[in-house]
Protein backbone atom coordinates (compact mmCIF):
# COMPACT_ATOMS: atom_id res chain seq x y z
CA MET A 1 34.12 -15.85 -12.71
CA THR A 2 33.11 -13.46 -9.94
CA VAL A 3 31.09 -10.21 -10.75
CA THR A 4 30.67 -7.48 -8.14
CA ALA A 5 28.34 -4.62 -8.15
CA ILE A 6 28.21 -1.42 -6.00
CA ASP A 7 25.11 0.86 -5.59
CA LYS A 8 27.00 4.33 -5.51
CA GLY A 9 24.14 5.78 -3.72
CA THR A 10 24.05 3.43 -0.74
CA ASN A 11 27.44 1.76 -1.16
CA LYS A 12 25.77 -1.46 -0.99
CA LYS A 13 27.68 -4.43 -2.58
CA GLU A 14 26.86 -7.65 -3.93
CA SER A 15 28.87 -10.19 -5.45
CA ILE A 16 27.98 -13.36 -7.57
CA THR A 17 30.10 -16.24 -8.77
CA ILE A 18 29.18 -17.66 -12.25
CA THR A 19 30.51 -21.27 -12.81
CA ASN A 20 30.36 -23.17 -15.96
CA GLU A 21 27.76 -25.85 -15.22
CA LYS A 22 25.46 -27.69 -17.51
CA GLY A 23 23.01 -25.49 -19.27
CA ARG A 24 25.16 -22.46 -18.51
CA LEU A 25 26.84 -19.98 -20.57
CA SER A 26 30.02 -21.13 -22.25
CA LYS A 27 33.45 -19.70 -21.53
CA ASP A 28 33.31 -18.03 -25.07
CA GLU A 29 29.73 -16.70 -24.22
CA ILE A 30 30.97 -15.18 -21.00
CA GLU A 31 34.27 -13.89 -22.60
CA GLN A 32 31.90 -12.00 -25.31
CA MET A 33 29.75 -10.60 -22.81
CA ILE A 34 32.80 -9.12 -21.06
CA LYS A 35 34.00 -7.65 -24.41
CA ASP A 36 30.60 -6.30 -25.18
CA SER A 37 30.35 -4.54 -21.68
CA GLU A 38 33.86 -3.08 -22.33
CA LYS A 39 32.74 -2.04 -25.63
CA TYR A 40 29.71 -0.07 -24.45
CA ALA A 41 31.32 1.31 -21.21
CA GLU A 42 32.07 4.65 -22.81
CA GLU A 43 28.42 4.86 -24.14
CA ASP A 44 27.13 4.02 -20.56
CA LYS A 45 29.47 6.63 -19.00
CA ARG A 46 28.12 9.36 -21.33
CA THR A 47 24.47 8.39 -20.89
CA LYS A 48 25.07 8.46 -16.80
CA GLU A 49 26.58 11.84 -17.25
CA ARG A 50 23.51 13.03 -19.50
CA LEU A 51 21.12 11.61 -16.97
CA ASP A 52 22.91 13.18 -14.04
CA ALA A 53 22.96 16.71 -15.72
CA LYS A 54 19.07 16.27 -16.62
CA HIS A 55 18.42 15.40 -13.08
CA SER A 56 20.57 18.19 -11.67
CA MET A 57 18.77 20.82 -13.74
CA ASP A 58 15.14 19.25 -12.75
CA ASN A 59 16.19 19.41 -9.04
CA TYR A 60 17.60 22.97 -9.39
CA ILE A 61 14.45 24.15 -10.99
CA GLU A 62 12.27 22.38 -8.02
CA SER A 63 14.40 23.81 -5.56
CA MET A 64 14.35 27.35 -6.69
CA GLN A 65 10.65 27.22 -7.14
CA LYS A 66 10.36 25.96 -3.45
CA SER A 67 12.75 28.57 -2.21
CA ILE A 68 10.92 31.68 -3.89
CA ASP A 69 7.47 30.31 -2.57
CA ASP A 70 8.81 29.64 0.95
CA PRO A 71 8.44 32.56 3.35
CA GLU A 72 11.13 31.10 5.69
CA LYS A 73 13.60 31.12 2.68
CA TRP A 74 13.59 33.83 0.08
CA GLY A 75 9.88 34.15 -0.20
CA SER A 76 9.58 37.06 2.25
CA LYS A 77 12.63 38.76 1.03
CA LEU A 78 11.96 39.12 -2.42
CA GLU A 79 10.04 41.96 -3.85
CA ASP A 80 7.32 41.12 -6.12
CA ASP A 81 9.09 42.07 -9.52
CA ASP A 82 12.13 39.91 -8.40
CA ARG A 83 10.08 36.87 -7.55
CA ARG A 84 8.17 37.35 -10.91
CA THR A 85 11.44 37.45 -12.84
CA ILE A 86 12.63 34.33 -11.11
CA ARG A 87 9.48 32.45 -11.70
CA ASP A 88 9.39 33.49 -15.49
CA ALA A 89 13.00 32.19 -15.76
CA LEU A 90 12.08 29.03 -14.10
CA SER A 91 8.98 28.61 -16.23
CA ASP A 92 11.03 29.20 -19.47
CA ALA A 93 13.66 26.44 -18.11
CA ARG A 94 10.88 24.03 -17.21
CA ASP A 95 9.38 24.63 -20.94
CA TRP A 96 12.74 23.80 -22.45
CA TYR A 97 13.17 20.89 -20.01
CA ASN A 98 9.84 19.34 -21.11
CA ALA A 99 10.63 20.08 -24.80
CA ASN A 100 14.02 18.79 -24.95
CA GLY A 101 14.78 16.68 -21.95
CA GLU A 102 14.55 13.32 -23.76
CA SER A 103 17.08 14.34 -26.46
CA ALA A 104 19.28 17.02 -24.92
CA GLU A 105 22.95 16.32 -24.33
CA LYS A 106 24.88 16.76 -21.20
CA ASP A 107 26.40 20.11 -22.30
CA GLU A 108 23.03 21.51 -23.31
CA PHE A 109 21.61 20.91 -19.77
CA ASP A 110 24.75 22.43 -18.28
CA GLU A 111 24.44 25.51 -20.45
CA LYS A 112 20.83 25.79 -19.61
CA LEU A 113 21.54 25.38 -16.02
CA LYS A 114 24.10 28.14 -16.28
CA GLU A 115 21.64 30.30 -18.11
CA ILE A 116 19.02 30.02 -15.25
C-alpha cells in the first residue's frame, strides 16, 4: 500500500510504501485503519474548518490592531474617537476569543468576525 501526504501550505509531497513484512501490520489491520480514517474524515474536515475560522479571527484582530497603531497605515488618518471605537471593538472581540476560543464552532467565529 502506498500512502501520499501533501502539505497544503508548502505543497511538499511525501510518499511511503507499506509492505506486509514480519512484525508489520496485517492486511486486516491496515484495512481497518483505512476504514477508520474514512469514518473520521468528516469530523477532521469540521475540525479543520473550525481551526481555520479561529485563526482567521485571531489574525484579523492582530492585523487591525497593528493597522490602527501604525502611522503609515490608518494610525494618522483616524480621529481619536474612531481609533478608540475600533480599539474597544477589538478588545471586546479579543475577550470573546479568549473566553470562547477553545469551544466555539466555525459559525460562531464567522459571526463574531462579521460583528467586528
